[in-house]
Amino acid sequence: MSPTSLCTISRDLAREVERLTFGPPVTHVYNPLVYARAPHERYLTRYGTAPKEVVLVGMNPGPFGMAQTGVPFGDPTLVRHFLGIEEPIGSPPRVHPKRPIDGFASTRSEVSGTRLWGWVRERFGRPEAFFDRFFVLNYCPLVFMEESGRNRTPDKLAPSEAAPLRSACDGALIRAIEHLRPDLVVGVGVFAERGARRVLEGRRVRVGGMLHPSPASPKANQGWAAHAERDLIGLGIRL
């Protein structure tokens, strides 16, 4: 199966979530699968060749990461200089004045992204050495913002809004895992781990979890890479 099938899954998911509506306190929703499609699909086609040994699943894009670059945990500097991806970026239909989309010109770093891809660079040296065995994707493709500009994560959505979003994301995750055929799926953070366990229950793939690199996590701020490696080794992953 061609790696471009991941692009088909991405485009189908983008169309599904574009139909959804969200109310207060959410005032702005960004869908980087649409306006950042070029770098996103470059990431999929360059690094998404199946099969993989391990798939890491994040929650949703960060406003300074994938929202800018289309790449999961996509700190602009590391996406450009380490992953070697830099493509034109469009813009969401409605842009929050406090959360502009500057794409690869963004001077903001995304801490979660600098930690995750910085660890990959330190541990594996070259992107290809990591992607020979691993792949990284997000469960939910949307960025949610409140009127203040504050990021609102999918676990904070109203149940009536979360249910149709979950249905779309569940289907896309199942298709992606069927394509990538990993032995192990690792949720990055509790939300992603719980979601992966729920979605993949009964399927022939192991599911585990690892610490999220978010600066909101005190444990992650005390040396995320060491914690993450212990989590992965505990799941039987060779590093």
C-alpha atoms as a PDB file:
ATOM      1  CA  MET A   1       0.000   0.000   0.000  1.00  0.00           C
ATOM      2  CA  SER A   2       1.410   3.377  -0.985  1.00  0.00           C
ATOM      3  CA  PRO A   3       2.223   5.871   1.790  1.00  0.00           C
ATOM      4  CA  THR A   4       0.004   8.335  -0.026  1.00  0.00           C
ATOM      5  CA  SER A   5      -2.931   6.432   1.495  1.00  0.00           C
ATOM      6  CA  LEU A   6      -2.154   8.351   4.685  1.00  0.00           C
ATOM      7  CA  CYS A   7      -2.915  11.481   2.689  1.00  0.00           C
ATOM      8  CA  THR A   8      -6.292  10.013   1.740  1.00  0.00           C
ATOM      9  CA  ILE A   9      -7.047   9.318   5.402  1.00  0.00           C
ATOM     10  CA  SER A  10      -5.970  12.870   6.288  1.00  0.00           C
ATOM     11  CA  ARG A  11      -8.108  14.471   3.599  1.00  0.00           C
ATOM     12  CA  ASP A  12     -11.140  12.397   4.554  1.00  0.00           C
ATOM     13  CA  LEU A  13     -10.713  13.389   8.198  1.00  0.00           C
ATOM     14  CA  ALA A  14     -10.271  17.039   7.246  1.00  0.00           C
ATOM     15  CA  ARG A  15     -13.575  17.007   5.369  1.00  0.00           C
ATOM     16  CA  GLU A  16     -15.397  15.326   8.250  1.00  0.00           C
ATOM     17  CA  VAL A  17     -14.232  17.722  10.938  1.00  0.00           C
ATOM     18  CA  GLU A  18     -14.798  20.781   8.709  1.00  0.00           C
ATOM     19  CA  ARG A  19     -18.538  20.060   8.967  1.00  0.00           C
ATOM     20  CA  LEU A  20     -18.539  20.251  12.768  1.00  0.00           C
ATOM     21  CA  THR A  21     -19.472  23.321  14.782  1.00  0.00           C
ATOM     22  CA  PHE A  22     -18.276  24.438  18.204  1.00  0.00           C
ATOM     23  CA  GLY A  23     -19.746  27.024  20.531  1.00  0.00           C
ATOM     24  CA  PRO A  24     -18.539  29.163  23.439  1.00  0.00           C
ATOM     25  CA  PRO A  25     -16.126  29.239  25.098  1.00  0.00           C
ATOM     26  CA  VAL A  26     -14.530  28.153  21.797  1.00  0.00           C
ATOM     27  CA  THR A  27     -14.467  31.104  19.402  1.00  0.00           C
ATOM     28  CA  HIS A  28     -11.872  30.005  16.809  1.00  0.00           C
ATOM     29  CA  VAL A  29     -11.048  26.617  15.295  1.00  0.00           C
ATOM     30  CA  TYR A  30      -7.996  25.960  13.107  1.00  0.00           C
ATOM     31  CA  ASN A  31      -7.731  22.922  10.838  1.00  0.00           C
ATOM     32  CA  PRO A  32      -4.090  22.583   9.711  1.00  0.00           C
ATOM     33  CA  LEU A  33      -4.987  19.544   7.616  1.00  0.00           C
ATOM     34  CA  VAL A  34      -6.487  22.102   5.234  1.00  0.00           C
ATOM     35  CA  TYR A  35      -4.439  25.310   5.348  1.00  0.00           C
ATOM     36  CA  ALA A  36      -1.141  23.511   6.084  1.00  0.00           C
ATOM     37  CA  ARG A  37      -1.844  20.574   3.796  1.00  0.00           C
ATOM     38  CA  ALA A  38       1.383  20.913   1.804  1.00  0.00           C
ATOM     39  CA  PRO A  39       3.836  20.370   4.692  1.00  0.00           C
ATOM     40  CA  HIS A  40       1.489  17.922   6.386  1.00  0.00           C
ATOM     41  CA  GLU A  41       1.317  15.674   3.344  1.00  0.00           C
ATOM     42  CA  ARG A  42       5.053  16.107   2.766  1.00  0.00           C
ATOM     43  CA  TYR A  43       5.543  14.688   6.261  1.00  0.00           C
ATOM     44  CA  LEU A  44       3.174  11.797   5.547  1.00  0.00           C
ATOM     45  CA  THR A  45       4.708  10.832   2.230  1.00  0.00           C
ATOM     46  CA  ARG A  46       8.341  11.271   3.279  1.00  0.00           C
ATOM     47  CA  TYR A  47       8.153   9.479   6.607  1.00  0.00           C
ATOM     48  CA  GLY A  48       4.920   7.456   6.632  1.00  0.00           C
ATOM     49  CA  THR A  49       6.077   4.367   4.765  1.00  0.00           C
ATOM     50  CA  ALA A  50       4.591   1.210   6.293  1.00  0.00           C
ATOM     51  CA  PRO A  51       5.079  -0.898   8.261  1.00  0.00           C
ATOM     52  CA  LYS A  52       6.176   0.717  11.525  1.00  0.00           C
ATOM     53  CA  GLU A  53       7.146  -0.928  14.788  1.00  0.00           C
ATOM     54  CA  VAL A  54       5.718   1.839  16.999  1.00  0.00           C
ATOM     55  CA  VAL A  55       3.213   4.654  16.407  1.00  0.00           C
ATOM     56  CA  LEU A  56       3.187   7.548  18.869  1.00  0.00           C
ATOM     57  CA  VAL A  57      -0.195   9.287  19.122  1.00  0.00           C
ATOM     58  CA  GLY A  58      -0.546  12.839  20.427  1.00  0.00           C
ATOM     59  CA  MET A  59      -3.728  14.657  21.416  1.00  0.00           C
ATOM     60  CA  ASN A  60      -4.130  17.595  19.000  1.00  0.00           C
ATOM     61  CA  PRO A  61      -2.042  20.381  17.428  1.00  0.00           C
ATOM     62  CA  GLY A  62      -0.445  23.073  19.540  1.00  0.00           C
ATOM     63  CA  PRO A  63      -0.900  26.712  18.451  1.00  0.00           C
ATOM     64  CA  PHE A  64       2.854  27.178  17.999  1.00  0.00           C
ATOM     65  CA  GLY A  65       3.579  23.728  16.604  1.00  0.00           C
ATOM     66  CA  MET A  66       1.416  21.776  14.169  1.00  0.00           C
ATOM     67  CA  ALA A  67      -0.853  24.806  13.801  1.00  0.00           C
ATOM     68  CA  GLN A  68       2.102  26.553  12.162  1.00  0.00           C
ATOM     69  CA  THR A  69       3.787  23.678  10.307  1.00  0.00           C
ATOM     70  CA  GLY A  70       1.221  20.926   9.708  1.00  0.00           C
ATOM     71  CA  VAL A  71       3.510  18.402  11.430  1.00  0.00           C
ATOM     72  CA  PRO A  72       2.614  16.759  14.769  1.00  0.00           C
ATOM     73  CA  PHE A  73       4.542  18.402  17.634  1.00  0.00           C
ATOM     74  CA  GLY A  74       5.884  20.548  14.805  1.00  0.00           C
ATOM     75  CA  ASP A  75       8.141  23.203  16.280  1.00  0.00           C
ATOM     76  CA  PRO A  76       8.996  25.328  13.196  1.00  0.00           C
ATOM     77  CA  THR A  77      12.769  25.310  13.653  1.00  0.00           C
ATOM     78  CA  LEU A  78      13.036  21.560  14.123  1.00  0.00           C
ATOM     79  CA  VAL A  79      10.589  20.771  11.324  1.00  0.00           C
ATOM     80  CA  ARG A  80      12.613  22.926   8.945  1.00  0.00           C
ATOM     81  CA  HIS A  81      16.148  22.085   9.985  1.00  0.00           C
ATOM     82  CA  PHE A  82      15.850  18.543  11.368  1.00  0.00           C
ATOM     83  CA  LEU A  83      12.925  16.965   9.509  1.00  0.00           C
ATOM     84  CA  GLY A  84      13.773  18.885   6.353  1.00  0.00           C
ATOM     85  CA  ILE A  85      10.225  20.038   5.652  1.00  0.00           C
ATOM     86  CA  GLU A  86       9.280  23.568   4.626  1.00  0.00           C
ATOM     87  CA  GLU A  87       6.281  24.157   2.386  1.00  0.00           C
ATOM     88  CA  PRO A  88       3.869  27.054   1.762  1.00  0.00           C
ATOM     89  CA  ILE A  89       1.242  27.625   4.448  1.00  0.00           C
ATOM     90  CA  GLY A  90      -2.202  29.097   3.960  1.00  0.00           C
ATOM     91  CA  SER A  91      -4.459  30.519   6.637  1.00  0.00           C
ATOM     92  CA  PRO A  92      -7.604  29.471   8.528  1.00  0.00           C
ATOM     93  CA  PRO A  93     -10.803  31.262   7.441  1.00  0.00           C
ATOM     94  CA  ARG A  94     -10.963  33.078  10.796  1.00  0.00           C
ATOM     95  CA  VAL A  95      -7.703  33.935  12.521  1.00  0.00           C
ATOM     96  CA  HIS A  96      -7.579  34.880  16.186  1.00  0.00           C
ATOM     97  CA  PRO A  97      -5.662  38.184  16.454  1.00  0.00           C
ATOM     98  CA  LYS A  98      -3.566  36.741  19.274  1.00  0.00           C
ATOM     99  CA  ARG A  99      -2.805  33.511  17.404  1.00  0.00           C
ATOM    100  CA  PRO A 100      -1.625  34.444  13.896  1.00  0.00           C
ATOM    101  CA  ILE A 101      -0.415  31.794  11.489  1.00  0.00           C
ATOM    102  CA  ASP A 102       3.125  32.692  10.457  1.00  0.00           C
ATOM    103  CA  GLY A 103       4.046  29.198   9.277  1.00  0.00           C
ATOM    104  CA  PHE A 104       7.753  28.551   8.978  1.00  0.00           C
ATOM    105  CA  ALA A 105       8.433  32.239   9.573  1.00  0.00           C
ATOM    106  CA  SER A 106       7.140  31.862  13.126  1.00  0.00           C
ATOM    107  CA  THR A 107       9.686  32.863  15.746  1.00  0.00           C
ATOM    108  CA  ARG A 108       7.801  31.095  18.541  1.00  0.00           C
ATOM    109  CA  SER A 109       8.970  27.681  19.657  1.00  0.00           C
ATOM    110  CA  GLU A 110       6.644  24.922  20.791  1.00  0.00           C
ATOM    111  CA  VAL A 111       8.048  23.375  23.954  1.00  0.00           C
ATOM    112  CA  SER A 112       6.394  19.990  23.443  1.00  0.00           C
ATOM    113  CA  GLY A 113       7.791  19.891  19.922  1.00  0.00           C
ATOM    114  CA  THR A 114      11.289  20.964  20.874  1.00  0.00           C
ATOM    115  CA  ARG A 115      11.333  18.273  23.525  1.00  0.00           C
ATOM    116  CA  LEU A 116       9.981  15.458  21.363  1.00  0.00           C
ATOM    117  CA  TRP A 117      11.868  16.134  18.114  1.00  0.00           C
ATOM    118  CA  GLY A 118      14.911  17.305  20.056  1.00  0.00           C
ATOM    119  CA  TRP A 119      14.954  13.913  21.776  1.00  0.00           C
ATOM    120  CA  VAL A 120      14.618  12.162  18.409  1.00  0.00           C
ATOM    121  CA  ARG A 121      17.599  14.133  17.069  1.00  0.00           C
ATOM    122  CA  GLU A 122      19.679  13.402  20.172  1.00  0.00           C
ATOM    123  CA  ARG A 123      18.821   9.706  20.358  1.00  0.00           C
ATOM    124  CA  PHE A 124      18.612   8.728  16.668  1.00  0.00           C
ATOM    125  CA  GLY A 125      20.778  11.326  14.904  1.00  0.00           C
ATOM    126  CA  ARG A 126      18.929  11.292  11.587  1.00  0.00           C
ATOM    127  CA  PRO A 127      15.159  11.442  11.009  1.00  0.00           C
ATOM    128  CA  GLU A 128      15.351   8.327   8.836  1.00  0.00           C
ATOM    129  CA  ALA A 129      16.794   6.259  11.699  1.00  0.00           C
ATOM    130  CA  PHE A 130      13.748   7.159  13.824  1.00  0.00           C
ATOM    131  CA  PHE A 131      11.127   6.789  11.095  1.00  0.00           C
ATOM    132  CA  ASP A 132      12.443   3.390  10.048  1.00  0.00           C
ATOM    133  CA  ARG A 133      10.736   2.131  13.201  1.00  0.00           C
ATOM    134  CA  PHE A 134       8.490   4.916  14.500  1.00  0.00           C
ATOM    135  CA  PHE A 135       5.822   7.323  13.309  1.00  0.00           C
ATOM    136  CA  VAL A 136       4.077  10.220  15.068  1.00  0.00           C
ATOM    137  CA  LEU A 137       0.517  11.374  14.475  1.00  0.00           C
ATOM    138  CA  ASN A 138      -2.204  13.243  16.329  1.00  0.00           C
ATOM    139  CA  TYR A 139      -5.579  11.836  17.317  1.00  0.00           C
ATOM    140  CA  CYS A 140      -7.477  15.106  16.745  1.00  0.00           C
ATOM    141  CA  PRO A 141      -6.419  17.505  13.962  1.00  0.00           C
ATOM    142  CA  LEU A 142      -8.113  20.659  15.252  1.00  0.00           C
ATOM    143  CA  VAL A 143      -6.859  23.584  17.352  1.00  0.00           C
ATOM    144  CA  PHE A 144      -9.458  25.197  19.632  1.00  0.00           C
ATOM    145  CA  MET A 145      -9.122  28.706  21.042  1.00  0.00           C
ATOM    146  CA  GLU A 146     -11.158  30.778  23.432  1.00  0.00           C
ATOM    147  CA  GLU A 147     -11.882  34.501  23.054  1.00  0.00           C
ATOM    148  CA  SER A 148      -8.814  35.349  25.151  1.00  0.00           C
ATOM    149  CA  GLY A 149      -6.604  33.323  22.825  1.00  0.00           C
ATOM    150  CA  ARG A 150      -6.235  30.564  25.376  1.00  0.00           C
ATOM    151  CA  ASN A 151      -5.801  27.088  23.942  1.00  0.00           C
ATOM    152  CA  ARG A 152      -8.700  24.736  24.746  1.00  0.00           C
ATOM    153  CA  THR A 153      -7.919  21.038  24.539  1.00  0.00           C
ATOM    154  CA  PRO A 154     -10.394  18.482  23.112  1.00  0.00           C
ATOM    155  CA  ASP A 155     -10.996  16.886  26.522  1.00  0.00           C
ATOM    156  CA  LYS A 156     -12.585  20.177  27.642  1.00  0.00           C
ATOM    157  CA  LEU A 157     -15.226  20.264  24.872  1.00  0.00           C
ATOM    158  CA  ALA A 158     -18.932  19.918  25.649  1.00  0.00           C
ATOM    159  CA  PRO A 159     -20.161  16.310  25.287  1.00  0.00           C
ATOM    160  CA  SER A 160     -22.438  17.247  22.382  1.00  0.00           C
ATOM    161  CA  GLU A 161     -19.438  18.651  20.511  1.00  0.00           C
ATOM    162  CA  ALA A 162     -16.991  15.971  21.560  1.00  0.00           C
ATOM    163  CA  ALA A 163     -19.086  13.013  20.372  1.00  0.00           C
ATOM    164  CA  PRO A 164     -19.111  13.733  16.600  1.00  0.00           C
ATOM    165  CA  LEU A 165     -15.469  14.833  16.756  1.00  0.00           C
ATOM    166  CA  ARG A 166     -14.537  11.607  18.522  1.00  0.00           C
ATOM    167  CA  SER A 167     -16.399   9.557  15.904  1.00  0.00           C
ATOM    168  CA  ALA A 168     -14.425  11.168  13.062  1.00  0.00           C
ATOM    169  CA  CYS A 169     -11.073  10.900  14.863  1.00  0.00           C
ATOM    170  CA  ASP A 170     -11.694   7.301  15.934  1.00  0.00           C
ATOM    171  CA  GLY A 171     -12.292   6.238  12.350  1.00  0.00           C
ATOM    172  CA  ALA A 172      -9.186   8.010  11.079  1.00  0.00           C
ATOM    173  CA  LEU A 173      -7.004   6.495  13.811  1.00  0.00           C
ATOM    174  CA  ILE A 174      -8.224   2.988  13.023  1.00  0.00           C
ATOM    175  CA  ARG A 175      -7.480   3.492   9.318  1.00  0.00           C
ATOM    176  CA  ALA A 176      -4.023   4.911  10.045  1.00  0.00           C
ATOM    177  CA  ILE A 177      -3.131   1.998  12.315  1.00  0.00           C
ATOM    178  CA  GLU A 178      -4.412  -0.498   9.754  1.00  0.00           C
ATOM    179  CA  HIS A 179      -2.128   1.150   7.196  1.00  0.00           C
ATOM    180  CA  LEU A 180       0.973   1.466   9.378  1.00  0.00           C
ATOM    181  CA  ARG A 181       0.564  -2.008  10.975  1.00  0.00           C
ATOM    182  CA  PRO A 182       2.554  -1.293  14.164  1.00  0.00           C
ATOM    183  CA  ASP A 183       3.212  -3.787  16.931  1.00  0.00           C
ATOM    184  CA  LEU A 184       2.654  -1.066  19.514  1.00  0.00           C
ATOM    185  CA  VAL A 185       0.675   2.180  19.737  1.00  0.00           C
ATOM    186  CA  VAL A 186       1.838   4.614  22.417  1.00  0.00           C
ATOM    187  CA  GLY A 187      -0.395   7.430  23.593  1.00  0.00           C
ATOM    188  CA  VAL A 188       1.643  10.547  24.348  1.00  0.00           C
ATOM    189  CA  GLY A 189      -0.124  11.707  27.483  1.00  0.00           C
ATOM    190  CA  VAL A 190      -3.124  10.323  29.356  1.00  0.00           C
ATOM    191  CA  PHE A 191      -5.802  11.599  26.955  1.00  0.00           C
ATOM    192  CA  ALA A 192      -4.167   9.997  23.922  1.00  0.00           C
ATOM    193  CA  GLU A 193      -3.419   6.744  25.750  1.00  0.00           C
ATOM    194  CA  ARG A 194      -7.001   6.380  26.950  1.00  0.00           C
ATOM    195  CA  GLY A 195      -8.330   7.202  23.505  1.00  0.00           C
ATOM    196  CA  ALA A 196      -6.030   4.704  21.797  1.00  0.00           C
ATOM    197  CA  ARG A 197      -6.993   1.973  24.252  1.00  0.00           C
ATOM    198  CA  ARG A 198     -10.686   2.631  23.662  1.00  0.00           C
ATOM    199  CA  VAL A 199     -10.435   2.824  19.877  1.00  0.00           C
ATOM    200  CA  LEU A 200      -8.088  -0.124  19.403  1.00  0.00           C
ATOM    201  CA  GLU A 201      -9.580  -2.477  21.984  1.00  0.00           C
ATOM    202  CA  GLY A 202      -9.848  -5.990  20.580  1.00  0.00           C
ATOM    203  CA  ARG A 203      -7.463  -5.308  17.713  1.00  0.00           C
ATOM    204  CA  ARG A 204      -4.179  -7.109  17.265  1.00  0.00           C
ATOM    205  CA  VAL A 205      -1.970  -4.282  18.467  1.00  0.00           C
ATOM    206  CA  ARG A 206      -0.578  -3.475  21.909  1.00  0.00           C
ATOM    207  CA  VAL A 207      -1.344  -0.067  23.426  1.00  0.00           C
ATOM    208  CA  GLY A 208       0.722   1.761  26.027  1.00  0.00           C
ATOM    209  CA  GLY A 209       1.424   5.269  27.243  1.00  0.00           C
ATOM    210  CA  MET A 210       4.275   7.698  27.800  1.00  0.00           C
ATOM    211  CA  LEU A 211       4.695  11.041  29.516  1.00  0.00           C
ATOM    212  CA  HIS A 212       3.578  14.062  27.505  1.00  0.00           C
ATOM    213  CA  PRO A 213       6.322  16.665  26.924  1.00  0.00           C
ATOM    214  CA  SER A 214       4.051  19.604  27.769  1.00  0.00           C
ATOM    215  CA  PRO A 215       5.525  22.335  30.008  1.00  0.00           C
ATOM    216  CA  ALA A 216       2.255  22.125  31.956  1.00  0.00           C
ATOM    217  CA  SER A 217       3.509  18.809  33.352  1.00  0.00           C
ATOM    218  CA  PRO A 218       5.823  19.235  36.396  1.00  0.00           C
ATOM    219  CA  LYS A 219       7.287  15.785  35.736  1.00  0.00           C
ATOM    220  CA  ALA A 220       8.074  16.677  32.118  1.00  0.00           C
ATOM    221  CA  ASN A 221       9.849  19.808  33.313  1.00  0.00           C
ATOM    222  CA  GLN A 222      12.208  17.654  35.371  1.00  0.00           C
ATOM    223  CA  GLY A 223      13.833  15.987  32.371  1.00  0.00           C
ATOM    224  CA  TRP A 224      11.192  14.783  29.925  1.00  0.00           C
ATOM    225  CA  ALA A 225      13.528  12.756  27.694  1.00  0.00           C
ATOM    226  CA  ALA A 226      14.714  10.531  30.554  1.00  0.00           C
ATOM    227  CA  HIS A 227      11.119   9.925  31.685  1.00  0.00           C
ATOM    228  CA  ALA A 228      10.010   9.201  28.127  1.00  0.00           C
ATOM    229  CA  GLU A 229      12.808   6.720  27.555  1.00  0.00           C
ATOM    230  CA  ARG A 230      11.958   4.870  30.753  1.00  0.00           C
ATOM    231  CA  ASP A 231       8.329   4.673  29.628  1.00  0.00           C
ATOM    232  CA  LEU A 232       9.276   3.332  26.213  1.00  0.00           C
ATOM    233  CA  ILE A 233      11.795   0.828  27.553  1.00  0.00           C
ATOM    234  CA  GLY A 234       9.144  -0.324  30.028  1.00  0.00           C
ATOM    235  CA  LEU A 235       6.935  -1.103  27.032  1.00  0.00           C
ATOM    236  CA  GLY A 236       9.660  -3.283  25.561  1.00  0.00           C
ATOM    237  CA  ILE A 237      10.972  -0.822  22.983  1.00  0.00           C
ATOM    238  CA  ARG A 238      14.672  -1.013  22.148  1.00  0.00           C
ATOM    239  CA  LEU A 239      16.413   2.359  22.073  1.00  0.00           C
END
